[in-house]
Structure formats: C-alpha cells, structure tokens
Protein backbone atom coordinates (compact mmCIF):
# COMPACT_ATOMS: atom_id res chain seq x y z
CA UNK A 1 23.84 125.97 386.62
CA UNK A 2 25.43 122.77 387.80
CA UNK A 3 23.63 119.50 388.47
CA UNK A 4 23.91 117.83 391.88
CA UNK A 5 22.50 114.55 393.12
CA UNK A 6 21.44 113.72 396.67
CA UNK A 7 20.12 110.24 397.40
CA UNK A 8 18.26 109.92 394.11
CA UNK A 9 17.14 113.53 393.87
CA UNK A 10 18.62 115.68 391.14
CA UNK A 11 18.78 119.43 391.43
CA UNK A 12 20.47 122.15 389.43
CA UNK A 13 21.97 125.07 391.29
CA UNK A 14 23.38 128.39 390.23
CA UNK A 15 26.07 128.47 392.89
CA UNK A 16 27.49 131.82 391.78
CA UNK A 17 24.10 133.60 391.97
CA UNK A 18 23.24 131.96 395.29
CA UNK A 19 26.65 132.79 396.78
CA UNK A 20 26.46 136.36 395.49
CA UNK A 21 23.15 136.88 397.31
CA UNK A 22 24.48 135.49 400.60
CA UNK A 23 27.65 137.59 400.41
CA UNK A 24 25.55 140.76 400.36
CA UNK A 25 22.85 139.74 402.84
CA UNK A 26 22.88 140.27 406.61
CA UNK A 27 23.31 137.83 409.49
CA UNK A 28 20.28 135.94 410.75
CA UNK A 29 20.55 137.80 414.06
CA UNK A 30 20.00 141.16 412.34
CA UNK A 31 16.36 140.16 411.75
CA UNK A 32 15.88 138.40 415.06
CA UNK A 33 17.38 139.00 418.48
CA UNK A 34 16.13 135.83 420.18
CA UNK A 35 18.51 133.56 422.10
CA UNK A 36 17.80 130.64 419.76
CA UNK A 37 19.03 132.49 416.65
CA UNK A 38 22.06 133.85 418.52
CA UNK A 39 22.91 130.32 419.66
CA UNK A 40 22.53 128.96 416.12
CA UNK A 41 24.87 131.65 414.80
CA UNK A 42 27.55 130.53 417.28
CA UNK A 43 26.92 126.88 416.40
CA UNK A 44 27.67 127.60 412.72
CA UNK A 45 31.33 127.98 413.69
CA UNK A 46 31.32 124.43 415.08
CA UNK A 47 29.77 122.68 412.04
CA UNK A 48 31.78 119.76 410.70
CA UNK A 49 33.68 120.05 407.43
CA UNK A 50 31.06 117.80 405.83
CA UNK A 51 28.17 120.04 406.91
CA UNK A 52 30.04 123.16 405.78
CA UNK A 53 30.80 121.36 402.52
CA UNK A 54 27.07 120.82 401.98
CA UNK A 55 26.32 124.51 402.49
CA UNK A 56 29.26 125.57 400.29
CA UNK A 57 28.26 123.14 397.51
CA UNK A 58 24.93 125.00 397.33
CA UNK A 59 26.39 128.52 397.68
CA UNK A 60 24.81 129.06 401.13
CA UNK A 61 26.33 130.98 404.03
CA UNK A 62 24.57 129.32 407.00
CA UNK A 63 24.90 132.48 409.12
CA UNK A 64 22.78 134.54 406.72
CA UNK A 65 19.27 134.89 405.32
CA UNK A 66 17.70 131.64 406.45
CA UNK A 67 14.85 130.93 408.80
CA UNK A 68 15.99 129.11 411.95
CA UNK A 69 13.98 127.86 414.91
CA UNK A 70 14.43 125.59 417.90
CA UNK A 71 11.91 122.75 418.21
CA UNK A 72 12.86 121.60 421.72
CA UNK A 73 15.70 120.78 424.08
CA UNK A 74 16.43 117.07 424.34
CA UNK A 75 17.10 115.18 427.56
CA UNK A 76 20.81 115.02 426.65
CA UNK A 77 20.94 118.84 426.63
CA UNK A 78 21.22 119.23 422.84
CA UNK A 79 18.76 121.51 421.11
CA UNK A 80 16.82 120.23 418.10
CA UNK A 81 16.71 122.97 415.47
CA UNK A 82 14.99 123.29 412.12
CA UNK A 83 14.97 125.85 409.38
CA UNK A 84 15.51 126.55 405.72
CA UNK A 85 17.65 128.41 403.21
CA UNK A 86 16.97 129.57 399.67
CA UNK A 87 18.94 128.49 396.62
CA UNK A 88 18.87 129.70 393.03
CA UNK A 89 17.98 126.53 391.17
CA UNK A 90 15.49 123.87 390.19
CA UNK A 91 14.50 120.38 391.28
CA UNK A 92 14.96 118.10 388.27
CA UNK A 93 13.95 114.71 389.72
CA UNK A 94 12.53 113.49 393.01
CA UNK A 95 13.00 110.00 394.34
CA UNK A 96 10.59 110.65 397.23
CA UNK A 97 7.80 113.06 398.05
CA UNK A 98 8.16 116.82 398.23
CA UNK A 99 9.69 118.00 401.49
CA UNK A 100 10.62 114.54 402.78
CA UNK A 101 14.09 114.09 404.24
CA UNK A 102 16.39 112.94 401.51
CA UNK A 103 19.74 112.65 403.16
CA UNK A 104 21.78 113.10 406.29
CA UNK A 105 25.33 114.40 406.60
CA UNK A 106 26.97 114.32 410.04
CA UNK A 107 23.59 114.53 411.76
CA UNK A 108 21.99 117.26 409.62
CA UNK A 109 18.84 116.00 407.90
CA UNK A 110 17.97 117.94 404.79
CA UNK A 111 15.50 118.04 401.93
CA UNK A 112 14.54 120.32 399.05
CA UNK A 113 11.23 121.83 398.03
CA UNK A 114 9.87 124.22 395.43
CA UNK A 115 7.28 125.38 397.98
CA UNK A 116 9.34 128.31 399.29
CA UNK A 117 8.55 130.50 402.29
CA UNK A 118 9.80 133.97 403.21
CA UNK A 119 11.92 134.43 400.07
CA UNK A 120 13.69 137.81 400.24
CA UNK A 121 12.50 140.32 397.62
CA UNK A 122 15.89 140.53 395.93
CA UNK A 123 16.45 136.77 395.66
CA UNK A 124 17.07 135.56 392.10
CA UNK A 125 14.67 133.10 390.52
CA UNK A 126 14.13 130.23 389.95
CA UNK A 127 14.21 129.48 393.68
CA UNK A 128 14.18 126.27 395.67
CA UNK A 129 14.39 125.84 399.42
CA UNK A 130 16.70 123.55 401.39
CA UNK A 131 15.03 122.54 404.66
CA UNK A 132 17.04 121.10 407.53
CA UNK A 133 16.89 119.65 411.02
CA UNK A 134 19.87 119.18 413.32
CA UNK A 135 20.97 118.93 416.93
CA UNK A 136 23.27 121.59 418.35
CA UNK A 137 24.62 122.37 421.83
CA UNK A 138 23.75 125.50 423.78
CA UNK A 139 26.73 127.81 423.27
CA UNK A 140 25.51 131.21 424.53
CA UNK A 141 26.98 132.29 427.84
CA UNK A 142 23.54 133.51 428.92
CA UNK A 143 21.27 130.71 430.03
CA UNK A 144 17.76 131.75 429.04
CA UNK A 145 16.38 128.71 430.87
CA UNK A 146 17.04 130.10 434.39
C-alpha cells in the first residue's frame, strides 16, 4: 500500500488491487439504464487531466462499479451529480469529520469514509469509499426533459 495525503487527511491505498478490480468489473450502465448514468458515462471522457489523475492515483476507473446519481439541474444547464467509488485501503488520519469534503480538484469535491455502501461482493478488503460531487453538462443526444 502507498500513503497519500489530501488536505490534511492521510490514506493508504493498494492501487494495484483497486485497479485490478476495476479492470474486471463492468460499466456503470450495465447495472442501470437510466439517462443520468448514461450521461455520466459520456462525461467521463471529458474529465480534465487533473480529475483523471485523481481517479488514476487511487486505481479507480470512473466508468465502472461506482454509484452515481444526479441531484438536480442548475439554472446554467449543468447537472449536479454525486456518487461514490470503492478503494482498497485505509484512512490513517482525518483532519476533519468523517464524510466531510476534504478537497476540490477542477470542480470535483471529494471526501473519504470508512462507512461504505453497496460494496461489491468480490471487492478486496480493507475498503474505504471516495465520495464525490461535481457539475457536468448534458451530453446525451436524447433529451429526457422534453
């Protein structure tokens, strides 16, 4: 495991184990056929290098496994999404409370928690969860809003 620090929090992550899981797992849209998940999947291809670097530094493929949901559409047309991904690792030190936003990279707010939800049966332990919130455009050709 390697140690990483984010805004005063210290975590250790087994990147190889996490990445190995995501390489074998299916796309988010294979569990859900809603427009919001399909739109998120398309948006993954538009993430900045910094956001992709965050996911890669944790061994996560953002198109797979996670739980993704849209909170609401903003007045500017962007959609405010939330969700989480699982990581093989531990939280070593917290500088703030469990689940509170610890950092932002190019508009993605993220935090870590040991209180994990919907962990796949075959996911390696110990497990922590990275939770996120971000704004993304509507990219699907279909407009569900009509």
